[in-house]
Amino acid sequence: MISDTLAIVLGGGQGARLFPLTATRSKPAVPIGGKYRLIDLPVSGCLHADIRRIFVLTQFNSASLNRHISNTYQLDLFSSGFVEILAAEQTPDNQNWFQGTADAVRQAARHFSQHRADYYLVLAGDHICRMDYRSFLESHKSRGADITIAAQPIDATAATQMGIFVFDRDGRIAGFEEKPKPDRLAAIGRSVPEGATFAAHSDARPVMASMGIYVFSRQVLLDLLEQEPGHDFGRELIPKAMGRYDVKPYLYDGYWADVGTIGSFYDANIALGLPDAPFRYWDPAQPIYTHLRHLPGSRLLDCQIRESILAEGCYLDRVRVDQSVVGLRSKVRSGTHIDRSVILGADFYEDDPPAGLPPLGIGRDVVLRRAIVDKNARIGDGARLTNERGLEEADGDGYFIRSGIVVVPKGGVIAPGTVV
């Protein structure tokens, strides 16, 4: 175990952009990839790097996340390792909820600062990547940095929604700007850091963006939190730290996705089943850990499955599935077509449905196209969830449309014959 480092995973705020998936759970607890949850990615990365002291900071709908962590990450009883939830709490000194990323860490500091650590690794709970955190830490230590920020080249369109590094002519960090306007980006031009030799940094991806992943030397973080009143790392504390501390970028050229919106969540899932999938969960060297459920293999009767992910414990009867993700315990009945959709599955099996409700799962002759169906949903026979009117945003009876994607919430009920 790396004994000089403690990891802090930021669970995020209310997760309004991921609604309705975050209506009853925090962002890190959102299921992904058929059988995992978002929190499994940063925690698995820490464990592969032998970082085994991990705090997860959250404040909204934390029960599901707490249950998943306690059921999954039971570390060696004879070591000092742990994965622990730190939920927002009222104290005599502070009656407020977390106001931002830095404020969350500031309020939690009284808990994690009691542990011996020379470095704090601060991670996001809603990102998909498989970064080598050991290499990230070694870069911070070897260069003698006070703060190291993971960075990746992006295009100008994405840059207006992210924190951007500005470099001087020698490639040193000259500034940091949060969500710059297009005219400001044009003035910055191509921003090239020292040592940016990998091919991904090009005219098509001209600027370096912060990934929201940091390493702080211990006293630097504690001093910043105490002396600077800002609530957010990207907007306030990092820009203020630029002239005061040695801030270095860590150039990351692997796959990275921020799944903080319905659109990005949908795209990241659909990409998993493609032949050239940019990210894979089955890496033999660095598997993603999750809750062990002891489910049977999935049972398929006369089905057509193409470019899709199918989790265990499912039952599909004469179903066609194209470029989709079908999650745990999903039951899909005959004649149904699932096209470019994400089915999160179910938490339980059901013998008989409650009176007046369709059976758990997806009924007969259903068509799902560009849809997300959350856990424990009931979709009646003959329903068509295809957004036939091409709406971008709408709320309906048992469903929502976000970014043109039909979303059935957890436990949602779609009546037989419904057409959306």
Protein backbone atom coordinates (compact mmCIF):
# COMPACT_ATOMS: atom_id res chain seq x y z
CA MET A 1 0.00 0.00 0.00
CA ILE A 2 1.19 3.51 -0.83
CA SER A 3 1.29 4.93 2.67
CA ASP A 4 1.99 8.58 1.81
CA THR A 5 -1.17 9.23 -0.24
CA LEU A 6 -4.86 9.53 0.59
CA ALA A 7 -7.54 9.67 -2.13
CA ILE A 8 -10.60 11.94 -2.04
CA VAL A 9 -13.37 11.18 -4.56
CA LEU A 10 -15.79 14.05 -5.18
CA GLY A 11 -19.35 12.78 -5.44
CA GLY A 12 -20.66 15.95 -7.04
CA GLY A 13 -23.70 18.03 -6.27
CA GLN A 14 -27.34 17.33 -6.89
CA GLY A 15 -26.63 16.00 -10.37
CA ALA A 16 -29.44 17.97 -12.04
CA ARG A 17 -27.97 17.44 -15.51
CA LEU A 18 -28.21 13.67 -15.00
CA PHE A 19 -31.84 13.80 -13.86
CA PRO A 20 -33.86 11.54 -13.69
CA LEU A 21 -31.02 9.03 -13.16
CA THR A 22 -30.05 11.03 -10.06
CA ALA A 23 -33.59 11.42 -8.73
CA THR A 24 -33.02 8.74 -6.07
CA ARG A 25 -29.23 8.25 -6.11
CA SER A 26 -26.04 10.31 -6.12
CA LYS A 27 -24.00 10.62 -9.31
CA PRO A 28 -21.27 8.12 -8.29
CA ALA A 29 -23.99 5.49 -7.68
CA VAL A 30 -25.42 5.70 -11.22
CA PRO A 31 -25.13 2.28 -12.96
CA ILE A 32 -23.02 2.06 -16.11
CA GLY A 33 -21.80 -0.61 -18.49
CA GLY A 34 -24.51 -3.11 -17.56
CA LYS A 35 -23.22 -4.12 -14.10
CA TYR A 36 -20.99 -1.39 -12.69
CA ARG A 37 -21.50 1.96 -10.99
CA LEU A 38 -19.58 5.15 -11.75
CA ILE A 39 -17.83 5.05 -8.37
CA ASP A 40 -16.24 1.71 -9.30
CA LEU A 41 -13.91 3.42 -11.81
CA PRO A 42 -11.99 5.83 -9.52
CA VAL A 43 -11.98 3.34 -6.63
CA SER A 44 -10.66 0.52 -8.86
CA GLY A 45 -8.00 2.87 -10.22
CA CYS A 46 -6.86 3.68 -6.69
CA LEU A 47 -6.71 0.00 -5.72
CA HIS A 48 -4.64 -0.86 -8.81
CA ALA A 49 -2.23 1.90 -7.78
CA ASP A 50 -2.11 0.49 -4.22
CA ILE A 51 -3.82 3.60 -2.86
CA ARG A 52 -6.09 2.02 -0.26
CA ARG A 53 -7.24 4.91 1.88
CA ILE A 54 -10.16 6.44 0.01
CA PHE A 55 -12.83 8.91 1.11
CA VAL A 56 -15.91 9.52 -1.06
CA LEU A 57 -17.57 12.91 -0.50
CA THR A 58 -21.29 13.17 -1.17
CA GLN A 59 -24.39 14.89 0.13
CA PHE A 60 -27.39 14.01 -2.09
CA ASN A 61 -29.17 10.65 -2.04
CA SER A 62 -26.17 8.86 -0.54
CA ALA A 63 -27.95 5.73 0.76
CA SER A 64 -27.56 3.76 -2.48
CA LEU A 65 -23.90 4.72 -2.79
CA ASN A 66 -23.21 3.88 0.84
CA ARG A 67 -24.82 0.47 0.44
CA HIS A 68 -22.83 -0.29 -2.71
CA ILE A 69 -19.51 0.70 -1.14
CA SER A 70 -20.13 -1.24 2.07
CA ASN A 71 -21.13 -4.36 0.07
CA THR A 72 -18.24 -4.11 -2.39
CA TYR A 73 -15.08 -2.65 -0.90
CA GLN A 74 -14.33 -4.65 2.22
CA LEU A 75 -10.56 -4.31 2.48
CA ASP A 76 -8.13 -6.36 4.52
CA LEU A 77 -8.99 -6.18 8.21
CA PHE A 78 -5.30 -6.27 9.09
CA SER A 79 -4.34 -3.18 7.08
CA SER A 80 -5.21 0.49 7.40
CA GLY A 81 -7.03 0.52 4.06
CA PHE A 82 -10.65 1.69 3.74
CA VAL A 83 -13.24 3.10 1.33
CA GLU A 84 -15.49 5.39 3.36
CA ILE A 85 -18.36 7.78 2.66
CA LEU A 86 -18.10 11.31 4.05
CA ALA A 87 -21.56 12.86 3.68
CA ALA A 88 -22.21 16.56 4.19
CA GLU A 89 -22.99 17.29 7.82
CA GLN A 90 -23.96 20.25 9.91
CA THR A 91 -21.49 21.25 12.60
CA PRO A 92 -21.36 24.06 15.18
CA ASP A 93 -18.98 25.89 12.81
CA ASN A 94 -20.85 25.26 9.55
CA GLN A 95 -24.58 24.81 8.94
CA ASN A 96 -24.33 24.70 5.12
CA TRP A 97 -24.33 22.00 2.46
CA PHE A 98 -21.28 21.60 0.23
CA GLN A 99 -21.13 24.70 -2.00
CA GLY A 100 -18.67 23.34 -4.59
CA THR A 101 -15.72 21.00 -5.06
CA ALA A 102 -13.30 22.96 -2.89
CA ASP A 103 -15.91 23.64 -0.23
CA ALA A 104 -16.69 19.91 -0.02
CA VAL A 105 -13.03 19.13 0.57
CA ARG A 106 -12.75 22.02 3.03
CA GLN A 107 -15.67 20.75 5.13
CA ALA A 108 -14.32 17.19 5.06
CA ALA A 109 -10.76 18.23 5.96
CA ARG A 110 -11.34 17.76 9.67
CA HIS A 111 -11.82 14.05 8.94
CA PHE A 112 -9.11 13.27 6.39
CA SER A 113 -6.42 15.59 7.81
CA GLN A 114 -6.22 13.32 10.86
CA HIS A 115 -4.68 10.60 8.67
CA ARG A 116 -0.98 10.63 7.96
CA ALA A 117 -0.47 11.55 4.29
CA ASP A 118 2.02 13.65 2.36
CA TYR A 119 -0.17 13.85 -0.75
CA TYR A 120 -3.88 14.08 -1.52
CA LEU A 121 -5.21 12.61 -4.75
CA VAL A 122 -8.50 14.37 -5.60
CA LEU A 123 -10.70 12.53 -8.12
CA ALA A 124 -14.10 13.00 -9.73
CA GLY A 125 -16.84 10.45 -9.11
CA ASP A 126 -18.53 10.84 -12.52
CA HIS A 127 -15.62 10.31 -14.94
CA ILE A 128 -14.72 7.29 -17.05
CA CYS A 129 -11.01 6.73 -17.48
CA ARG A 130 -8.33 4.24 -16.57
CA MET A 131 -5.51 6.54 -15.55
CA ASP A 132 -2.40 5.13 -13.89
CA TYR A 133 -2.61 7.07 -10.63
CA ARG A 134 0.78 5.75 -9.55
CA SER A 135 2.40 7.42 -12.58
CA PHE A 136 0.38 10.57 -11.84
CA LEU A 137 1.75 10.67 -8.30
CA GLU A 138 5.31 9.94 -9.40
CA SER A 139 5.16 12.85 -11.84
CA HIS A 140 4.07 15.16 -9.02
CA LYS A 141 6.84 13.97 -6.71
CA SER A 142 9.68 13.87 -9.25
CA ARG A 143 9.02 17.42 -10.46
CA GLY A 144 8.66 18.79 -6.97
CA ALA A 145 5.26 20.29 -7.75
CA ASP A 146 2.90 21.76 -5.18
CA ILE A 147 -0.16 20.97 -7.30
CA THR A 148 -0.40 18.70 -10.34
CA ILE A 149 -3.46 18.80 -12.57
CA ALA A 150 -4.34 16.06 -15.06
CA ALA A 151 -4.83 17.62 -18.49
CA GLN A 152 -5.95 16.46 -21.92
CA PRO A 153 -6.12 18.16 -25.34
CA ILE A 154 -9.63 18.98 -26.52
CA ASP A 155 -11.34 20.81 -29.38
CA ALA A 156 -12.52 24.39 -29.21
CA THR A 157 -16.21 23.46 -28.86
CA ALA A 158 -15.65 21.41 -25.70
CA ALA A 159 -13.23 24.01 -24.34
CA THR A 160 -16.01 26.51 -23.61
CA GLN A 161 -17.42 24.11 -21.00
CA MET A 162 -14.16 23.29 -19.21
CA GLY A 163 -11.21 24.76 -17.38
CA ILE A 164 -8.40 25.63 -19.82
CA PHE A 165 -4.66 26.00 -19.27
CA VAL A 166 -2.90 28.96 -20.81
CA PHE A 167 0.83 28.47 -21.43
CA ASP A 168 3.60 30.96 -22.16
CA ARG A 169 5.99 30.69 -25.11
CA ASP A 170 8.25 28.36 -23.15
CA GLY A 171 5.40 25.95 -22.39
CA ARG A 172 5.02 26.91 -18.73
CA ILE A 173 1.60 27.47 -17.17
CA ALA A 174 0.75 31.16 -17.43
CA GLY A 175 -2.87 30.99 -16.35
CA PHE A 176 -6.02 28.97 -15.92
CA GLU A 177 -9.43 29.99 -17.24
CA GLU A 178 -12.74 28.34 -16.42
CA LYS A 179 -15.18 27.98 -19.37
CA PRO A 180 -13.66 30.70 -21.63
CA LYS A 181 -15.85 32.34 -24.28
CA PRO A 182 -15.17 31.55 -27.97
CA ASP A 183 -13.59 34.96 -28.59
CA ARG A 184 -11.24 34.41 -25.67
CA LEU A 185 -10.27 31.00 -27.06
CA ALA A 186 -9.44 32.60 -30.40
CA ALA A 187 -7.15 35.03 -28.59
CA ILE A 188 -5.41 32.21 -26.73
CA GLY A 189 -4.86 30.20 -29.93
CA ARG A 190 -3.11 26.86 -29.74
CA SER A 191 -1.86 26.43 -26.20
CA VAL A 192 1.10 24.05 -26.09
CA PRO A 193 2.54 22.87 -22.75
CA GLU A 194 6.14 21.96 -22.21
CA GLY A 195 6.70 18.32 -23.16
CA ALA A 196 3.44 17.95 -25.14
CA THR A 197 4.80 15.54 -27.71
CA PHE A 198 1.95 13.07 -28.11
CA ALA A 199 0.02 13.12 -31.37
CA ALA A 200 -3.35 13.84 -29.79
CA HIS A 201 -2.35 17.47 -29.27
CA SER A 202 -2.99 18.96 -32.71
CA ASP A 203 -4.72 21.78 -34.55
CA ALA A 204 -7.98 19.81 -34.18
CA ARG A 205 -7.51 19.66 -30.41
CA PRO A 206 -5.62 22.89 -29.79
CA VAL A 207 -6.03 23.55 -26.07
CA MET A 208 -5.31 21.66 -22.89
CA ALA A 209 -8.23 21.20 -20.51
CA SER A 210 -8.22 20.31 -16.84
CA MET A 211 -9.73 16.88 -16.19
CA GLY A 212 -10.72 17.88 -12.66
CA ILE A 213 -8.20 15.40 -11.23
CA TYR A 214 -5.51 16.75 -8.91
CA VAL A 215 -2.58 15.85 -6.69
CA PHE A 216 -1.91 18.29 -3.85
CA SER A 217 1.01 18.22 -1.50
CA ARG A 218 -0.50 18.02 1.96
CA GLN A 219 0.22 21.45 3.41
CA VAL A 220 -0.51 23.20 0.13
CA LEU A 221 -4.06 21.86 0.07
CA LEU A 222 -4.70 22.57 3.74
CA ASP A 223 -3.33 26.12 3.42
CA LEU A 224 -5.38 26.82 0.28
CA LEU A 225 -8.57 25.61 1.94
CA GLU A 226 -7.93 27.71 5.03
CA GLN A 227 -6.70 30.90 3.38
CA GLU A 228 -8.82 31.11 0.21
CA PRO A 229 -12.60 31.52 0.60
CA GLY A 230 -13.58 30.13 -2.84
CA HIS A 231 -16.01 27.24 -3.19
CA ASP A 232 -14.71 25.64 -6.40
CA PHE A 233 -11.28 24.36 -7.41
CA GLY A 234 -11.56 25.16 -11.12
CA ARG A 235 -13.18 28.58 -10.92
CA GLU A 236 -11.50 29.94 -7.79
CA LEU A 237 -8.78 28.09 -5.93
CA ILE A 238 -6.67 26.84 -8.85
CA PRO A 239 -6.45 30.27 -10.57
CA LYS A 240 -5.49 31.84 -7.23
CA ALA A 241 -2.84 29.17 -6.68
CA MET A 242 -1.09 29.82 -10.01
CA GLY A 243 1.09 32.70 -8.89
CA ARG A 244 1.57 31.36 -5.41
CA TYR A 245 2.49 27.70 -5.89
CA ASP A 246 4.29 25.52 -8.41
CA VAL A 247 1.40 24.12 -10.49
CA LYS A 248 2.25 21.48 -13.11
CA PRO A 249 0.09 19.75 -15.75
CA TYR A 250 0.12 15.97 -16.13
CA LEU A 251 -0.54 15.12 -19.76
CA TYR A 252 -2.97 12.22 -20.17
CA ASP A 253 -3.52 10.77 -23.63
CA GLY A 254 -5.95 7.94 -22.82
CA TYR A 255 -9.73 7.72 -22.97
CA TRP A 256 -11.58 10.09 -20.69
CA ALA A 257 -15.28 10.94 -20.53
CA ASP A 258 -17.15 13.19 -18.13
CA VAL A 259 -20.61 11.61 -17.86
CA GLY A 260 -22.29 14.45 -16.01
CA THR A 261 -25.16 14.81 -18.51
CA ILE A 262 -27.77 12.46 -19.97
CA GLY A 263 -26.24 12.86 -23.42
CA SER A 264 -22.69 12.04 -22.33
CA PHE A 265 -23.91 9.14 -20.18
CA TYR A 266 -25.82 7.69 -23.12
CA ASP A 267 -22.90 8.10 -25.55
CA ALA A 268 -20.39 6.51 -23.16
CA ASN A 269 -22.61 3.44 -22.70
CA ILE A 270 -23.43 2.93 -26.37
CA ALA A 271 -19.73 3.15 -27.29
CA LEU A 272 -18.93 0.16 -25.07
CA GLY A 273 -20.44 -2.35 -27.50
CA LEU A 274 -18.87 -1.02 -30.68
CA PRO A 275 -16.06 -2.98 -32.41
CA ASP A 276 -13.60 -0.13 -31.84
CA ALA A 277 -14.83 0.70 -28.34
CA PRO A 278 -12.60 3.45 -26.91
CA PHE A 279 -12.96 2.06 -23.39
CA ARG A 280 -13.32 -1.50 -22.17
CA TYR A 281 -14.18 -2.91 -18.79
CA TRP A 282 -12.58 -6.28 -19.44
CA ASP A 283 -8.93 -5.17 -19.35
CA PRO A 284 -7.05 -8.23 -17.98
CA ALA A 285 -4.38 -6.12 -16.28
CA GLN A 286 -6.71 -3.60 -14.62
CA PRO A 287 -10.23 -4.97 -14.16
CA ILE A 288 -12.96 -2.72 -12.81
CA TYR A 289 -14.18 -4.02 -9.46
CA THR A 290 -17.83 -4.00 -8.46
CA HIS A 291 -20.31 -5.75 -6.18
CA LEU A 292 -20.21 -9.56 -6.51
CA ARG A 293 -23.82 -10.66 -6.99
CA HIS A 294 -23.63 -14.43 -7.75
CA LEU A 295 -26.10 -14.17 -10.63
CA PRO A 296 -26.65 -16.91 -13.21
CA GLY A 297 -25.59 -16.55 -16.82
CA SER A 298 -28.05 -14.80 -19.10
CA ARG A 299 -30.59 -16.94 -20.96
CA LEU A 300 -31.38 -16.10 -24.60
CA LEU A 301 -34.06 -17.77 -26.73
CA ASP A 302 -33.82 -17.18 -30.49
CA CYS A 303 -32.39 -13.65 -30.18
CA GLN A 304 -30.39 -11.38 -32.48
CA ILE A 305 -27.70 -9.45 -30.62
CA ARG A 306 -25.40 -7.00 -32.47
CA GLU A 307 -22.66 -4.75 -31.08
CA SER A 308 -24.09 -4.80 -27.59
CA ILE A 309 -23.28 -5.48 -23.94
CA LEU A 310 -25.37 -8.07 -22.09
CA ALA A 311 -24.93 -8.40 -18.31
CA GLU A 312 -25.59 -11.55 -16.29
CA GLY A 313 -28.90 -12.73 -14.89
CA CYS A 314 -30.99 -11.66 -17.91
CA TYR A 315 -33.78 -13.46 -19.76
CA LEU A 316 -34.44 -12.47 -23.40
CA ASP A 317 -37.10 -14.26 -25.46
CA ARG A 318 -37.04 -13.74 -29.25
CA VAL A 319 -35.62 -10.23 -28.97
CA ARG A 320 -33.50 -8.12 -31.29
CA VAL A 321 -30.82 -5.95 -29.68
CA ASP A 322 -28.71 -3.49 -31.71
CA GLN A 323 -25.89 -1.35 -30.30
CA SER A 324 -27.29 -1.36 -26.79
CA VAL A 325 -26.46 -2.15 -23.17
CA VAL A 326 -28.73 -4.58 -21.31
CA GLY A 327 -28.13 -4.54 -17.56
CA LEU A 328 -28.42 -7.02 -14.71
CA ARG A 329 -31.58 -9.15 -14.31
CA SER A 330 -33.25 -7.60 -17.35
CA LYS A 331 -36.31 -9.47 -18.58
CA VAL A 332 -37.29 -8.71 -22.18
CA ARG A 333 -40.25 -10.46 -23.76
CA SER A 334 -40.87 -11.69 -27.31
CA GLY A 335 -41.07 -9.43 -30.35
CA THR A 336 -39.25 -6.51 -28.74
CA HIS A 337 -36.59 -4.47 -30.55
CA ILE A 338 -33.99 -2.60 -28.46
CA ASP A 339 -32.07 -0.21 -30.70
CA ARG A 340 -29.24 2.03 -29.47
CA SER A 341 -30.63 2.03 -25.95
CA VAL A 342 -29.36 1.59 -22.39
CA ILE A 343 -31.30 -0.75 -20.09
CA LEU A 344 -30.04 -0.53 -16.51
CA GLY A 345 -31.78 -3.76 -15.41
CA ALA A 346 -33.40 -4.61 -12.10
CA ASP A 347 -32.50 -5.01 -8.43
CA PHE A 348 -34.65 -8.11 -7.98
CA TYR A 349 -36.62 -10.84 -9.74
CA GLU A 350 -40.40 -10.90 -9.69
CA ASP A 351 -42.81 -13.83 -9.96
CA ASP A 352 -46.10 -11.94 -10.17
CA PRO A 353 -46.57 -8.19 -10.76
CA PRO A 354 -48.66 -6.09 -8.39
CA ALA A 355 -52.28 -5.70 -9.44
CA GLY A 356 -52.78 -3.19 -12.22
CA LEU A 357 -49.11 -2.94 -13.19
CA PRO A 358 -47.22 -4.42 -16.16
CA PRO A 359 -44.65 -7.11 -15.28
CA LEU A 360 -41.18 -6.00 -14.23
CA GLY A 361 -38.98 -5.41 -17.26
CA ILE A 362 -39.90 -4.89 -20.91
CA GLY A 363 -43.08 -6.36 -22.38
CA ARG A 364 -43.91 -7.93 -25.73
CA ASP A 365 -43.60 -6.13 -29.08
CA VAL A 366 -41.97 -3.08 -27.54
CA VAL A 367 -39.72 -0.76 -29.56
CA LEU A 368 -36.99 1.20 -27.76
CA ARG A 369 -34.82 3.54 -29.82
CA ARG A 370 -32.36 6.01 -28.30
CA ALA A 371 -33.77 5.36 -24.86
CA ILE A 372 -32.49 4.89 -21.31
CA VAL A 373 -34.55 2.63 -19.04
CA ASP A 374 -33.58 2.89 -15.38
CA LYS A 375 -33.77 0.01 -12.89
CA ASN A 376 -37.00 -1.71 -11.89
CA ALA A 377 -39.00 -0.05 -14.68
CA ARG A 378 -42.12 -1.63 -16.18
CA ILE A 379 -42.82 -1.14 -19.86
CA GLY A 380 -46.13 -2.53 -21.05
CA ASP A 381 -46.76 -4.56 -24.21
CA GLY A 382 -46.70 -2.70 -27.50
CA ALA A 383 -45.13 0.50 -26.17
CA ARG A 384 -42.95 2.53 -28.57
CA LEU A 385 -40.36 4.81 -26.96
CA THR A 386 -38.71 6.31 -30.04
CA ASN A 387 -39.23 10.08 -29.64
CA GLU A 388 -41.21 10.16 -32.88
CA ARG A 389 -41.74 13.94 -32.68
CA GLY A 390 -38.02 14.60 -32.33
CA LEU A 391 -38.31 16.57 -29.09
CA GLU A 392 -35.19 17.72 -27.27
CA GLU A 393 -36.74 18.26 -23.83
CA ALA A 394 -40.09 17.08 -22.47
CA ASP A 395 -41.76 15.52 -19.42
CA GLY A 396 -44.44 12.87 -19.91
CA ASP A 397 -46.44 10.23 -18.10
CA GLY A 398 -43.75 7.89 -16.75
CA TYR A 399 -40.92 9.24 -18.89
CA PHE A 400 -38.70 12.25 -19.58
CA ILE A 401 -36.93 13.40 -22.75
CA ARG A 402 -33.48 14.89 -22.29
CA SER A 403 -31.14 15.77 -25.18
CA GLY A 404 -33.54 13.92 -27.48
CA ILE A 405 -33.21 10.71 -25.44
CA VAL A 406 -36.29 9.09 -23.87
CA VAL A 407 -35.55 8.30 -20.21
CA VAL A 408 -37.74 6.05 -18.05
CA PRO A 409 -36.87 6.73 -14.37
CA LYS A 410 -36.18 4.13 -11.72
CA GLY A 411 -39.38 2.26 -10.95
CA GLY A 412 -41.14 4.04 -13.80
CA VAL A 413 -44.25 2.56 -15.41
CA ILE A 414 -45.11 2.86 -19.10
CA ALA A 415 -48.65 1.74 -19.89
CA PRO A 416 -49.23 -0.82 -22.67
CA GLY A 417 -49.50 0.76 -26.11
CA THR A 418 -47.85 4.05 -25.10
CA VAL A 419 -46.24 5.90 -28.03
CA VAL A 420 -43.62 8.56 -27.35
